[in-house]
Amino acid sequence: MCKHNFDFAGSALHASSVVKFNGFNYNEWSEQVGYYLGIQNLELALMTEKLTDLTKNSIDEERSFHKEWERSNRLSLKFLRMTIASEIKTSFLVTKYAREFMRLDKETSQSKATDKSRTGALMSRLTTMKYDDSRSMYEHVTEMSNIAARIRNMGMFVDKNFLVQFVINSLPSQISSCQINYNIIKDKWMMTELQTKLV
């Protein structure tokens, strides 16, 4: 059996850098989780189907491989669930196998049946987002722009003027002068102009 000597600090660092699966980014997400599980020697359950049950006639090599697969499946599945965006996590079916979990994620990313619920979740997030100090103002505005782009890609119209207003409404009270200025001027700002003013 393989010996596992994990660098827990390095493992946590890699895990935190893995992108969250949001229903649209399967290719990027699957590549990153595959790499992470690979460097942790946990990809076995993703590479092979569920094993057949052991019997009294199973040899030591089969028992060792079976134990290794079970460990890989258990830890991989936990990690995969951790990397699902919270707004879509409740819509996922429960499965016991990491390989099947990946397959379901891929189907979700390609399914039009779930577009309505995902669009609703994105619209809710866009209209209720609030800026905090955990990141830069530029990153905050960029995320809101990206959410709007995802909604547009799903066939829904997002007015650019409304998007600018959503961003302004998401700002803390300390930046209220920005909102006051925008409300009294005649010209409408574009997102790039708003980003420049905020930065």
N, C-alpha and C. Protein backbone atom coordinates (compact mmCIF):
# COMPACT_ATOMS: atom_id res chain seq x y z
N MET A 1 0.83 -1.18 0.00
CA MET A 1 0.00 0.00 0.00
C MET A 1 0.87 1.24 0.00
N CYS A 2 0.37 2.30 -0.65
CA CYS A 2 1.14 3.54 -0.70
C CYS A 2 1.17 4.20 0.66
N LYS A 3 2.26 4.84 0.96
CA LYS A 3 2.38 5.60 2.19
C LYS A 3 2.05 7.05 1.90
N HIS A 4 1.34 7.69 2.83
CA HIS A 4 0.90 9.05 2.60
C HIS A 4 1.56 9.97 3.62
N ASN A 5 2.43 10.84 3.15
CA ASN A 5 3.08 11.82 4.00
C ASN A 5 2.66 13.20 3.52
N PHE A 6 1.55 13.70 4.04
CA PHE A 6 0.99 14.96 3.57
C PHE A 6 1.69 16.16 4.18
N ASP A 7 1.89 17.15 3.36
CA ASP A 7 2.29 18.47 3.83
C ASP A 7 1.00 19.25 4.04
N PHE A 8 0.51 19.28 5.30
CA PHE A 8 -0.80 19.84 5.56
C PHE A 8 -0.86 21.32 5.24
N ALA A 9 0.21 22.05 5.49
CA ALA A 9 0.22 23.48 5.17
C ALA A 9 0.12 23.68 3.67
N GLY A 10 0.92 22.92 2.93
CA GLY A 10 0.87 23.03 1.48
C GLY A 10 -0.46 22.55 0.92
N SER A 11 -1.01 21.50 1.54
CA SER A 11 -2.30 20.98 1.10
C SER A 11 -3.39 22.02 1.27
N ALA A 12 -3.41 22.69 2.41
CA ALA A 12 -4.43 23.71 2.67
C ALA A 12 -4.30 24.87 1.70
N LEU A 13 -3.03 25.22 1.36
CA LEU A 13 -2.79 26.32 0.43
C LEU A 13 -3.34 25.98 -0.95
N HIS A 14 -3.05 24.77 -1.43
CA HIS A 14 -3.55 24.35 -2.74
C HIS A 14 -5.07 24.28 -2.74
N ALA A 15 -5.65 23.74 -1.68
CA ALA A 15 -7.10 23.57 -1.61
C ALA A 15 -7.81 24.91 -1.65
N SER A 16 -7.27 25.90 -0.97
CA SER A 16 -7.92 27.22 -0.92
C SER A 16 -7.85 27.94 -2.25
N SER A 17 -6.92 27.53 -3.11
CA SER A 17 -6.77 28.20 -4.40
C SER A 17 -7.65 27.58 -5.49
N VAL A 18 -8.31 26.46 -5.18
CA VAL A 18 -9.16 25.80 -6.16
C VAL A 18 -10.44 26.60 -6.35
N VAL A 19 -10.80 26.86 -7.60
CA VAL A 19 -11.99 27.65 -7.91
C VAL A 19 -13.24 26.88 -7.50
N LYS A 20 -14.29 27.59 -7.09
CA LYS A 20 -15.55 26.97 -6.73
C LYS A 20 -16.35 26.66 -8.00
N PHE A 21 -16.99 25.49 -8.03
CA PHE A 21 -17.84 25.15 -9.16
C PHE A 21 -19.16 25.88 -9.02
N ASN A 22 -19.52 26.71 -10.01
CA ASN A 22 -20.72 27.54 -9.92
C ASN A 22 -21.80 27.14 -10.92
N GLY A 23 -21.60 26.01 -11.59
CA GLY A 23 -22.56 25.55 -12.57
C GLY A 23 -22.17 25.87 -14.00
N PHE A 24 -21.21 26.78 -14.17
CA PHE A 24 -20.82 27.22 -15.51
C PHE A 24 -19.37 26.89 -15.85
N ASN A 25 -18.55 26.71 -14.84
CA ASN A 25 -17.10 26.63 -15.04
C ASN A 25 -16.56 25.22 -14.84
N TYR A 26 -17.27 24.22 -15.37
CA TYR A 26 -16.87 22.83 -15.12
C TYR A 26 -15.44 22.55 -15.58
N ASN A 27 -15.08 22.98 -16.77
CA ASN A 27 -13.76 22.66 -17.31
C ASN A 27 -12.64 23.18 -16.41
N GLU A 28 -12.76 24.44 -16.01
CA GLU A 28 -11.74 25.03 -15.14
C GLU A 28 -11.72 24.34 -13.79
N TRP A 29 -12.90 24.13 -13.23
CA TRP A 29 -13.02 23.50 -11.91
C TRP A 29 -12.48 22.07 -11.92
N SER A 30 -12.89 21.27 -12.90
CA SER A 30 -12.47 19.87 -12.95
C SER A 30 -10.96 19.75 -13.13
N GLU A 31 -10.38 20.67 -13.90
CA GLU A 31 -8.93 20.65 -14.10
C GLU A 31 -8.21 20.93 -12.78
N GLN A 32 -8.70 21.90 -12.03
CA GLN A 32 -8.05 22.28 -10.78
C GLN A 32 -8.23 21.21 -9.69
N VAL A 33 -9.44 20.66 -9.55
CA VAL A 33 -9.63 19.62 -8.53
C VAL A 33 -8.87 18.36 -8.91
N GLY A 34 -8.79 18.08 -10.21
CA GLY A 34 -8.03 16.91 -10.65
C GLY A 34 -6.56 17.05 -10.32
N TYR A 35 -6.02 18.25 -10.51
CA TYR A 35 -4.62 18.51 -10.18
C TYR A 35 -4.40 18.39 -8.68
N TYR A 36 -5.28 19.01 -7.89
CA TYR A 36 -5.13 18.97 -6.44
C TYR A 36 -5.18 17.53 -5.92
N LEU A 37 -6.19 16.78 -6.35
CA LEU A 37 -6.31 15.40 -5.88
C LEU A 37 -5.14 14.54 -6.37
N GLY A 38 -4.61 14.89 -7.53
CA GLY A 38 -3.46 14.16 -8.05
C GLY A 38 -2.22 14.35 -7.21
N ILE A 39 -1.92 15.60 -6.82
CA ILE A 39 -0.71 15.84 -6.02
C ILE A 39 -0.87 15.32 -4.60
N GLN A 40 -2.14 15.05 -4.20
CA GLN A 40 -2.38 14.47 -2.88
C GLN A 40 -2.51 12.94 -2.95
N ASN A 41 -2.28 12.38 -4.14
CA ASN A 41 -2.41 10.94 -4.35
C ASN A 41 -3.80 10.42 -4.01
N LEU A 42 -4.81 11.20 -4.39
CA LEU A 42 -6.19 10.83 -4.07
C LEU A 42 -7.05 10.64 -5.32
N GLU A 43 -6.43 10.60 -6.50
CA GLU A 43 -7.21 10.57 -7.74
C GLU A 43 -7.67 9.17 -8.15
N LEU A 44 -7.30 8.15 -7.39
CA LEU A 44 -7.61 6.77 -7.78
C LEU A 44 -9.10 6.55 -8.03
N ALA A 45 -9.95 7.08 -7.14
CA ALA A 45 -11.40 6.87 -7.27
C ALA A 45 -11.97 7.62 -8.46
N LEU A 46 -11.27 8.64 -8.94
CA LEU A 46 -11.73 9.36 -10.13
C LEU A 46 -11.32 8.64 -11.41
N MET A 47 -10.29 7.82 -11.31
CA MET A 47 -9.75 7.15 -12.49
C MET A 47 -10.39 5.79 -12.74
N THR A 48 -10.97 5.17 -11.71
CA THR A 48 -11.54 3.84 -11.85
C THR A 48 -12.97 3.81 -11.32
N GLU A 49 -13.77 2.91 -11.88
CA GLU A 49 -15.15 2.74 -11.42
C GLU A 49 -15.18 2.09 -10.04
N LYS A 50 -16.36 2.06 -9.46
CA LYS A 50 -16.53 1.43 -8.15
C LYS A 50 -16.04 -0.01 -8.19
N LEU A 51 -15.33 -0.40 -7.17
CA LEU A 51 -14.76 -1.74 -7.12
C LEU A 51 -15.81 -2.78 -6.76
N THR A 52 -15.57 -4.00 -7.22
CA THR A 52 -16.42 -5.10 -6.79
C THR A 52 -16.07 -5.47 -5.35
N ASP A 53 -17.02 -6.04 -4.65
CA ASP A 53 -16.81 -6.38 -3.25
C ASP A 53 -15.73 -7.45 -3.11
N LEU A 54 -15.03 -7.35 -2.00
CA LEU A 54 -14.03 -8.37 -1.69
C LEU A 54 -14.70 -9.66 -1.27
N THR A 55 -14.02 -10.77 -1.49
CA THR A 55 -14.51 -12.07 -1.05
C THR A 55 -13.44 -12.74 -0.20
N LYS A 56 -13.76 -13.87 0.35
CA LYS A 56 -12.77 -14.60 1.15
C LYS A 56 -11.61 -15.10 0.31
N ASN A 57 -11.82 -15.13 -1.01
CA ASN A 57 -10.77 -15.59 -1.90
C ASN A 57 -9.90 -14.46 -2.44
N SER A 58 -10.21 -13.21 -2.05
CA SER A 58 -9.44 -12.07 -2.55
C SER A 58 -8.01 -12.13 -2.03
N ILE A 59 -7.08 -11.84 -2.91
CA ILE A 59 -5.67 -11.88 -2.53
C ILE A 59 -5.29 -10.57 -1.85
N ASP A 60 -4.10 -10.54 -1.26
CA ASP A 60 -3.65 -9.36 -0.51
C ASP A 60 -3.58 -8.11 -1.38
N GLU A 61 -3.11 -8.27 -2.63
CA GLU A 61 -3.01 -7.12 -3.52
C GLU A 61 -4.38 -6.50 -3.79
N GLU A 62 -5.39 -7.35 -3.95
CA GLU A 62 -6.75 -6.87 -4.17
C GLU A 62 -7.29 -6.15 -2.93
N ARG A 63 -7.01 -6.67 -1.77
CA ARG A 63 -7.46 -6.04 -0.54
C ARG A 63 -6.77 -4.69 -0.33
N SER A 64 -5.50 -4.64 -0.65
CA SER A 64 -4.74 -3.39 -0.51
C SER A 64 -5.27 -2.33 -1.47
N PHE A 65 -5.50 -2.75 -2.72
CA PHE A 65 -6.03 -1.82 -3.72
C PHE A 65 -7.43 -1.35 -3.33
N HIS A 66 -8.24 -2.25 -2.83
CA HIS A 66 -9.60 -1.91 -2.42
C HIS A 66 -9.58 -0.88 -1.29
N LYS A 67 -8.70 -1.07 -0.33
CA LYS A 67 -8.59 -0.13 0.79
C LYS A 67 -8.13 1.24 0.30
N GLU A 68 -7.18 1.24 -0.63
CA GLU A 68 -6.68 2.49 -1.19
C GLU A 68 -7.78 3.22 -1.95
N TRP A 69 -8.57 2.47 -2.72
CA TRP A 69 -9.66 3.08 -3.48
C TRP A 69 -10.72 3.68 -2.56
N GLU A 70 -11.07 2.95 -1.51
CA GLU A 70 -12.07 3.44 -0.56
C GLU A 70 -11.62 4.75 0.09
N ARG A 71 -10.36 4.82 0.43
CA ARG A 71 -9.82 6.04 1.04
C ARG A 71 -9.85 7.19 0.04
N SER A 72 -9.44 6.91 -1.19
CA SER A 72 -9.44 7.92 -2.23
C SER A 72 -10.85 8.44 -2.47
N ASN A 73 -11.81 7.54 -2.55
CA ASN A 73 -13.19 7.93 -2.81
C ASN A 73 -13.74 8.78 -1.67
N ARG A 74 -13.50 8.38 -0.46
CA ARG A 74 -14.04 9.09 0.71
C ARG A 74 -13.51 10.52 0.79
N LEU A 75 -12.19 10.67 0.68
CA LEU A 75 -11.59 12.00 0.80
C LEU A 75 -11.84 12.86 -0.43
N SER A 76 -11.83 12.25 -1.61
CA SER A 76 -12.10 13.01 -2.83
C SER A 76 -13.51 13.56 -2.82
N LEU A 77 -14.46 12.74 -2.40
CA LEU A 77 -15.85 13.16 -2.38
C LEU A 77 -16.05 14.33 -1.42
N LYS A 78 -15.42 14.27 -0.27
CA LYS A 78 -15.51 15.37 0.69
C LYS A 78 -14.94 16.66 0.10
N PHE A 79 -13.80 16.53 -0.57
CA PHE A 79 -13.17 17.71 -1.16
C PHE A 79 -14.03 18.28 -2.29
N LEU A 80 -14.58 17.43 -3.13
CA LEU A 80 -15.41 17.89 -4.23
C LEU A 80 -16.63 18.66 -3.71
N ARG A 81 -17.23 18.15 -2.66
CA ARG A 81 -18.39 18.83 -2.08
C ARG A 81 -18.01 20.19 -1.50
N MET A 82 -16.80 20.28 -0.98
CA MET A 82 -16.33 21.55 -0.41
C MET A 82 -16.10 22.60 -1.47
N THR A 83 -15.90 22.19 -2.72
CA THR A 83 -15.58 23.15 -3.78
C THR A 83 -16.79 23.49 -4.64
N ILE A 84 -17.99 23.23 -4.14
CA ILE A 84 -19.21 23.62 -4.84
C ILE A 84 -19.70 24.94 -4.26
N ALA A 85 -20.02 25.90 -5.12
CA ALA A 85 -20.51 27.20 -4.66
C ALA A 85 -21.77 27.02 -3.83
N SER A 86 -21.87 27.75 -2.73
CA SER A 86 -22.97 27.57 -1.78
C SER A 86 -24.33 27.79 -2.40
N GLU A 87 -24.43 28.70 -3.39
CA GLU A 87 -25.74 29.01 -3.95
C GLU A 87 -26.33 27.89 -4.79
N ILE A 88 -25.52 26.91 -5.20
CA ILE A 88 -26.05 25.80 -5.99
C ILE A 88 -25.87 24.45 -5.28
N LYS A 89 -25.23 24.44 -4.13
CA LYS A 89 -24.91 23.18 -3.46
C LYS A 89 -26.16 22.37 -3.12
N THR A 90 -27.24 23.04 -2.70
CA THR A 90 -28.45 22.33 -2.29
C THR A 90 -29.16 21.65 -3.45
N SER A 91 -28.86 22.03 -4.66
CA SER A 91 -29.54 21.44 -5.82
C SER A 91 -28.87 20.16 -6.31
N PHE A 92 -27.75 19.77 -5.69
CA PHE A 92 -27.02 18.59 -6.14
C PHE A 92 -27.55 17.32 -5.49
N LEU A 93 -27.62 16.27 -6.30
CA LEU A 93 -28.04 14.98 -5.78
C LEU A 93 -26.93 14.39 -4.91
N VAL A 94 -27.34 13.61 -3.92
CA VAL A 94 -26.37 12.96 -3.04
C VAL A 94 -25.86 11.69 -3.72
N THR A 95 -24.56 11.52 -3.74
CA THR A 95 -23.96 10.31 -4.32
C THR A 95 -22.84 9.83 -3.41
N LYS A 96 -22.56 8.55 -3.48
CA LYS A 96 -21.54 7.96 -2.62
C LYS A 96 -20.17 7.88 -3.30
N TYR A 97 -20.12 8.26 -4.59
CA TYR A 97 -18.89 8.03 -5.33
C TYR A 97 -18.38 9.31 -6.00
N ALA A 98 -17.09 9.56 -5.84
CA ALA A 98 -16.48 10.77 -6.37
C ALA A 98 -16.57 10.82 -7.90
N ARG A 99 -16.37 9.72 -8.55
CA ARG A 99 -16.42 9.69 -10.02
C ARG A 99 -17.82 10.06 -10.51
N GLU A 100 -18.83 9.55 -9.85
CA GLU A 100 -20.21 9.88 -10.22
C GLU A 100 -20.51 11.35 -9.92
N PHE A 101 -19.96 11.85 -8.81
CA PHE A 101 -20.15 13.26 -8.46
C PHE A 101 -19.60 14.16 -9.56
N MET A 102 -18.44 13.84 -10.09
CA MET A 102 -17.86 14.60 -11.19
C MET A 102 -18.76 14.54 -12.42
N ARG A 103 -19.30 13.36 -12.70
CA ARG A 103 -20.16 13.20 -13.86
C ARG A 103 -21.42 14.05 -13.72
N LEU A 104 -22.01 14.06 -12.53
CA LEU A 104 -23.22 14.85 -12.29
C LEU A 104 -22.93 16.34 -12.42
N ASP A 105 -21.75 16.76 -11.96
CA ASP A 105 -21.36 18.16 -12.10
C ASP A 105 -21.26 18.55 -13.57
N LYS A 106 -20.69 17.66 -14.37
CA LYS A 106 -20.55 17.95 -15.79
C LYS A 106 -21.91 18.04 -16.45
N GLU A 107 -22.82 17.13 -16.08
CA GLU A 107 -24.17 17.17 -16.63
C GLU A 107 -24.89 18.45 -16.22
N THR A 108 -24.67 18.88 -14.98
CA THR A 108 -25.29 20.11 -14.49
C THR A 108 -24.83 21.30 -15.31
N SER A 109 -23.54 21.34 -15.62
CA SER A 109 -23.00 22.46 -16.38
C SER A 109 -23.53 22.51 -17.80
N GLN A 110 -24.01 21.36 -18.30
CA GLN A 110 -24.49 21.28 -19.67
C GLN A 110 -26.01 21.24 -19.77
N SER A 111 -26.68 21.21 -18.64
CA SER A 111 -28.13 21.04 -18.62
C SER A 111 -28.87 22.36 -18.68
N LYS A 112 -29.86 22.44 -19.56
CA LYS A 112 -30.69 23.62 -19.65
C LYS A 112 -31.82 23.58 -18.62
N ALA A 113 -32.08 22.41 -18.07
CA ALA A 113 -33.18 22.26 -17.12
C ALA A 113 -32.92 23.02 -15.84
N THR A 114 -31.64 23.20 -15.51
CA THR A 114 -31.31 23.89 -14.26
C THR A 114 -31.01 25.37 -14.46
N ASP A 115 -31.10 25.85 -15.72
CA ASP A 115 -30.77 27.24 -16.01
C ASP A 115 -31.63 28.22 -15.22
N LYS A 116 -32.92 27.92 -15.11
CA LYS A 116 -33.83 28.85 -14.45
C LYS A 116 -33.45 29.07 -13.00
N SER A 117 -33.19 27.98 -12.27
CA SER A 117 -32.85 28.11 -10.86
C SER A 117 -31.49 28.78 -10.68
N ARG A 118 -30.54 28.46 -11.58
CA ARG A 118 -29.22 29.08 -11.48
C ARG A 118 -29.28 30.56 -11.83
N THR A 119 -30.12 30.90 -12.81
CA THR A 119 -30.27 32.31 -13.16
C THR A 119 -30.87 33.08 -12.00
N GLY A 120 -31.87 32.48 -11.36
CA GLY A 120 -32.50 33.12 -10.20
C GLY A 120 -31.51 33.34 -9.08
N ALA A 121 -30.66 32.35 -8.84
CA ALA A 121 -29.66 32.47 -7.79
C ALA A 121 -28.65 33.56 -8.11
N LEU A 122 -28.25 33.64 -9.38
CA LEU A 122 -27.31 34.68 -9.79
C LEU A 122 -27.93 36.07 -9.71
N MET A 123 -29.19 36.19 -10.12
CA MET A 123 -29.87 37.48 -10.04
C MET A 123 -29.99 37.93 -8.59
N SER A 124 -30.32 36.99 -7.72
CA SER A 124 -30.43 37.31 -6.29
C SER A 124 -29.10 37.78 -5.73
N ARG A 125 -28.04 37.09 -6.12
CA ARG A 125 -26.70 37.47 -5.65
C ARG A 125 -26.31 38.85 -6.18
N LEU A 126 -26.59 39.10 -7.45
CA LEU A 126 -26.22 40.38 -8.06
C LEU A 126 -26.92 41.55 -7.38
N THR A 127 -28.19 41.38 -7.07
CA THR A 127 -28.98 42.49 -6.53
C THR A 127 -28.84 42.67 -5.02
N THR A 128 -28.23 41.71 -4.35
CA THR A 128 -28.10 41.82 -2.89
C THR A 128 -26.64 41.90 -2.41
N MET A 129 -25.68 41.87 -3.35
CA MET A 129 -24.27 41.90 -2.95
C MET A 129 -23.93 43.20 -2.23
N LYS A 130 -23.07 43.08 -1.24
CA LYS A 130 -22.57 44.24 -0.51
C LYS A 130 -21.05 44.18 -0.45
N TYR A 131 -20.43 45.31 -0.61
CA TYR A 131 -18.97 45.37 -0.55
C TYR A 131 -18.49 45.23 0.89
N ASP A 132 -17.42 44.46 1.09
CA ASP A 132 -16.75 44.41 2.39
C ASP A 132 -15.25 44.61 2.18
N ASP A 133 -14.52 44.65 3.25
CA ASP A 133 -13.09 44.96 3.16
C ASP A 133 -12.22 43.73 2.90
N SER A 134 -12.84 42.60 2.56
CA SER A 134 -12.06 41.38 2.37
C SER A 134 -11.30 41.38 1.05
N ARG A 135 -11.62 42.32 0.16
CA ARG A 135 -10.95 42.39 -1.14
C ARG A 135 -10.99 43.83 -1.62
N SER A 136 -10.38 44.05 -2.77
CA SER A 136 -10.33 45.41 -3.29
C SER A 136 -11.65 45.80 -3.94
N MET A 137 -11.84 47.10 -4.10
CA MET A 137 -13.03 47.61 -4.76
C MET A 137 -13.08 47.12 -6.22
N TYR A 138 -11.92 47.07 -6.85
CA TYR A 138 -11.84 46.61 -8.24
C TYR A 138 -12.34 45.16 -8.35
N GLU A 139 -11.92 44.30 -7.43
CA GLU A 139 -12.34 42.89 -7.45
C GLU A 139 -13.85 42.77 -7.22
N HIS A 140 -14.37 43.61 -6.34
CA HIS A 140 -15.81 43.59 -6.05
C HIS A 140 -16.61 43.94 -7.31
N VAL A 141 -16.23 45.01 -7.97
CA VAL A 141 -16.94 45.44 -9.18
C VAL A 141 -16.78 44.41 -10.29
N THR A 142 -15.59 43.84 -10.40
CA THR A 142 -15.34 42.82 -11.42
C THR A 142 -16.22 41.61 -11.22
N GLU A 143 -16.38 41.18 -9.95
CA GLU A 143 -17.24 40.02 -9.69
C GLU A 143 -18.68 40.30 -10.10
N MET A 144 -19.17 41.50 -9.79
CA MET A 144 -20.54 41.84 -10.18
C MET A 144 -20.68 41.87 -11.70
N SER A 145 -19.67 42.36 -12.39
CA SER A 145 -19.68 42.36 -13.86
C SER A 145 -19.70 40.94 -14.40
N ASN A 146 -18.92 40.05 -13.77
CA ASN A 146 -18.86 38.66 -14.21
C ASN A 146 -20.20 37.95 -14.00
N ILE A 147 -20.85 38.24 -12.88
CA ILE A 147 -22.17 37.64 -12.62
C ILE A 147 -23.16 38.09 -13.68
N ALA A 148 -23.13 39.38 -13.99
CA ALA A 148 -24.03 39.91 -15.03
C ALA A 148 -23.75 39.24 -16.38
N ALA A 149 -22.47 39.00 -16.68
CA ALA A 149 -22.11 38.33 -17.93
C ALA A 149 -22.64 36.90 -17.98
N ARG A 150 -22.59 36.21 -16.84
CA ARG A 150 -23.13 34.84 -16.79
C ARG A 150 -24.63 34.84 -17.05
N ILE A 151 -25.32 35.82 -16.46
CA ILE A 151 -26.76 35.91 -16.66
C ILE A 151 -27.08 36.18 -18.12
N ARG A 152 -26.30 37.06 -18.76
CA ARG A 152 -26.50 37.34 -20.18
C ARG A 152 -26.25 36.09 -21.02
N ASN A 153 -25.23 35.31 -20.64
CA ASN A 153 -24.92 34.09 -21.39
C ASN A 153 -26.03 33.06 -21.30
N MET A 154 -26.89 33.21 -20.30
CA MET A 154 -28.01 32.29 -20.13
C MET A 154 -29.27 32.82 -20.82
N GLY A 155 -29.10 33.90 -21.58
CA GLY A 155 -30.20 34.39 -22.39
C GLY A 155 -31.04 35.48 -21.77
N MET A 156 -30.63 36.00 -20.60
CA MET A 156 -31.40 37.05 -19.95
C MET A 156 -30.72 38.40 -20.16
N PHE A 157 -31.54 39.44 -20.29
CA PHE A 157 -31.01 40.77 -20.52
C PHE A 157 -30.71 41.45 -19.19
N VAL A 158 -29.52 42.02 -19.07
CA VAL A 158 -29.16 42.81 -17.89
C VAL A 158 -28.77 44.21 -18.38
N ASP A 159 -29.62 45.17 -18.10
CA ASP A 159 -29.38 46.54 -18.55
C ASP A 159 -28.10 47.09 -17.90
N LYS A 160 -27.25 47.71 -18.71
CA LYS A 160 -25.97 48.20 -18.21
C LYS A 160 -26.15 49.32 -17.18
N ASN A 161 -27.17 50.16 -17.37
CA ASN A 161 -27.43 51.23 -16.41
C ASN A 161 -27.88 50.67 -15.07
N PHE A 162 -28.71 49.61 -15.13
CA PHE A 162 -29.14 48.97 -13.90
C PHE A 162 -27.96 48.32 -13.19
N LEU A 163 -27.04 47.73 -13.96
CA LEU A 163 -25.87 47.09 -13.37
C LEU A 163 -25.02 48.13 -12.62
N VAL A 164 -24.82 49.28 -13.23
CA VAL A 164 -24.08 50.36 -12.56
C VAL A 164 -24.78 50.74 -11.26
N GLN A 165 -26.10 50.82 -11.30
CA GLN A 165 -26.86 51.18 -10.10
C GLN A 165 -26.75 50.10 -9.03
N PHE A 166 -26.77 48.83 -9.45
CA PHE A 166 -26.59 47.73 -8.49
C PHE A 166 -25.25 47.85 -7.79
N VAL A 167 -24.21 48.15 -8.56
CA VAL A 167 -22.87 48.29 -7.98
C VAL A 167 -22.85 49.44 -6.97
N ILE A 168 -23.39 50.57 -7.36
CA ILE A 168 -23.41 51.73 -6.45
C ILE A 168 -24.20 51.41 -5.19
N ASN A 169 -25.31 50.70 -5.34
CA ASN A 169 -26.12 50.33 -4.17
C ASN A 169 -25.39 49.35 -3.25
N SER A 170 -24.40 48.64 -3.79
CA SER A 170 -23.67 47.65 -2.99
C SER A 170 -22.56 48.28 -2.15
N LEU A 171 -22.31 49.56 -2.36
CA LEU A 171 -21.19 50.22 -1.69
C LEU A 171 -21.56 50.59 -0.26
N PRO A 172 -20.58 50.63 0.61
CA PRO A 172 -20.83 51.01 2.01
C PRO A 172 -21.16 52.49 2.15
N SER A 173 -21.69 52.86 3.29
CA SER A 173 -22.13 54.24 3.51
C SER A 173 -20.98 55.24 3.40
N GLN A 174 -19.75 54.79 3.66
CA GLN A 174 -18.60 55.69 3.58
C GLN A 174 -18.38 56.23 2.17
N ILE A 175 -18.94 55.54 1.19
CA ILE A 175 -18.75 55.96 -0.20
C ILE A 175 -20.07 56.49 -0.76
N SER A 176 -20.95 56.93 0.11
CA SER A 176 -22.27 57.38 -0.31
C SER A 176 -22.20 58.58 -1.25
N SER A 177 -21.12 59.36 -1.17
CA SER A 177 -20.98 60.52 -2.05
C SER A 177 -20.97 60.11 -3.51
N CYS A 178 -20.44 58.93 -3.79
CA CYS A 178 -20.41 58.41 -5.16
C CYS A 178 -21.84 58.23 -5.65
N GLN A 179 -22.71 57.69 -4.82
CA GLN A 179 -24.09 57.49 -5.20
C GLN A 179 -24.81 58.81 -5.40
N ILE A 180 -24.54 59.77 -4.51
CA ILE A 180 -25.17 61.08 -4.62
C ILE A 180 -24.77 61.75 -5.93
N ASN A 181 -23.48 61.69 -6.25
CA ASN A 181 -22.98 62.30 -7.49
C ASN A 181 -23.62 61.66 -8.71
N TYR A 182 -23.73 60.34 -8.69
CA TYR A 182 -24.29 59.63 -9.84
C TYR A 182 -25.76 59.99 -10.03
N ASN A 183 -26.48 60.14 -8.94
CA ASN A 183 -27.91 60.42 -9.03
C ASN A 183 -28.22 61.82 -9.55
N ILE A 184 -27.29 62.76 -9.38
CA ILE A 184 -27.59 64.14 -9.78
C ILE A 184 -27.03 64.50 -11.16
N ILE A 185 -26.13 63.67 -11.69
CA ILE A 185 -25.59 63.99 -13.01
C ILE A 185 -26.52 63.47 -14.10
N LYS A 186 -26.41 64.08 -15.27
CA LYS A 186 -27.28 63.69 -16.39
C LYS A 186 -26.71 62.49 -17.14
N ASP A 187 -25.39 62.45 -17.27
CA ASP A 187 -24.76 61.37 -18.03
C ASP A 187 -24.77 60.07 -17.23
N LYS A 188 -24.89 58.95 -17.95
CA LYS A 188 -24.83 57.64 -17.33
C LYS A 188 -23.42 57.08 -17.45
N TRP A 189 -22.94 56.47 -16.37
CA TRP A 189 -21.60 55.89 -16.39
C TRP A 189 -21.63 54.50 -16.97
N MET A 190 -20.52 54.14 -17.61
CA MET A 190 -20.29 52.76 -18.01
C MET A 190 -19.57 52.06 -16.86
N MET A 191 -19.56 50.72 -16.89
CA MET A 191 -18.92 49.97 -15.80
C MET A 191 -17.43 50.29 -15.70
N THR A 192 -16.76 50.44 -16.85
CA THR A 192 -15.33 50.74 -16.81
C THR A 192 -15.08 52.11 -16.18
N GLU A 193 -15.97 53.05 -16.46
CA GLU A 193 -15.83 54.39 -15.88
C GLU A 193 -16.07 54.34 -14.38
N LEU A 194 -17.06 53.56 -13.97
CA LEU A 194 -17.35 53.43 -12.54
C LEU A 194 -16.18 52.78 -11.81
N GLN A 195 -15.58 51.75 -12.40
CA GLN A 195 -14.42 51.11 -11.79
C GLN A 195 -13.29 52.11 -11.60
N THR A 196 -13.05 52.93 -12.62
CA THR A 196 -11.98 53.94 -12.54
C THR A 196 -12.25 54.93 -11.42
N LYS A 197 -13.48 55.38 -11.29
CA LYS A 197 -13.81 56.36 -10.27
C LYS A 197 -13.67 55.76 -8.86
N LEU A 198 -14.07 54.49 -8.71
CA LEU A 198 -14.01 53.86 -7.40
C LEU A 198 -12.58 53.55 -7.00
N VAL A 199 -11.77 53.10 -7.95
CA VAL A 199 -10.38 52.78 -7.65
C VAL A 199 -9.60 54.04 -7.34
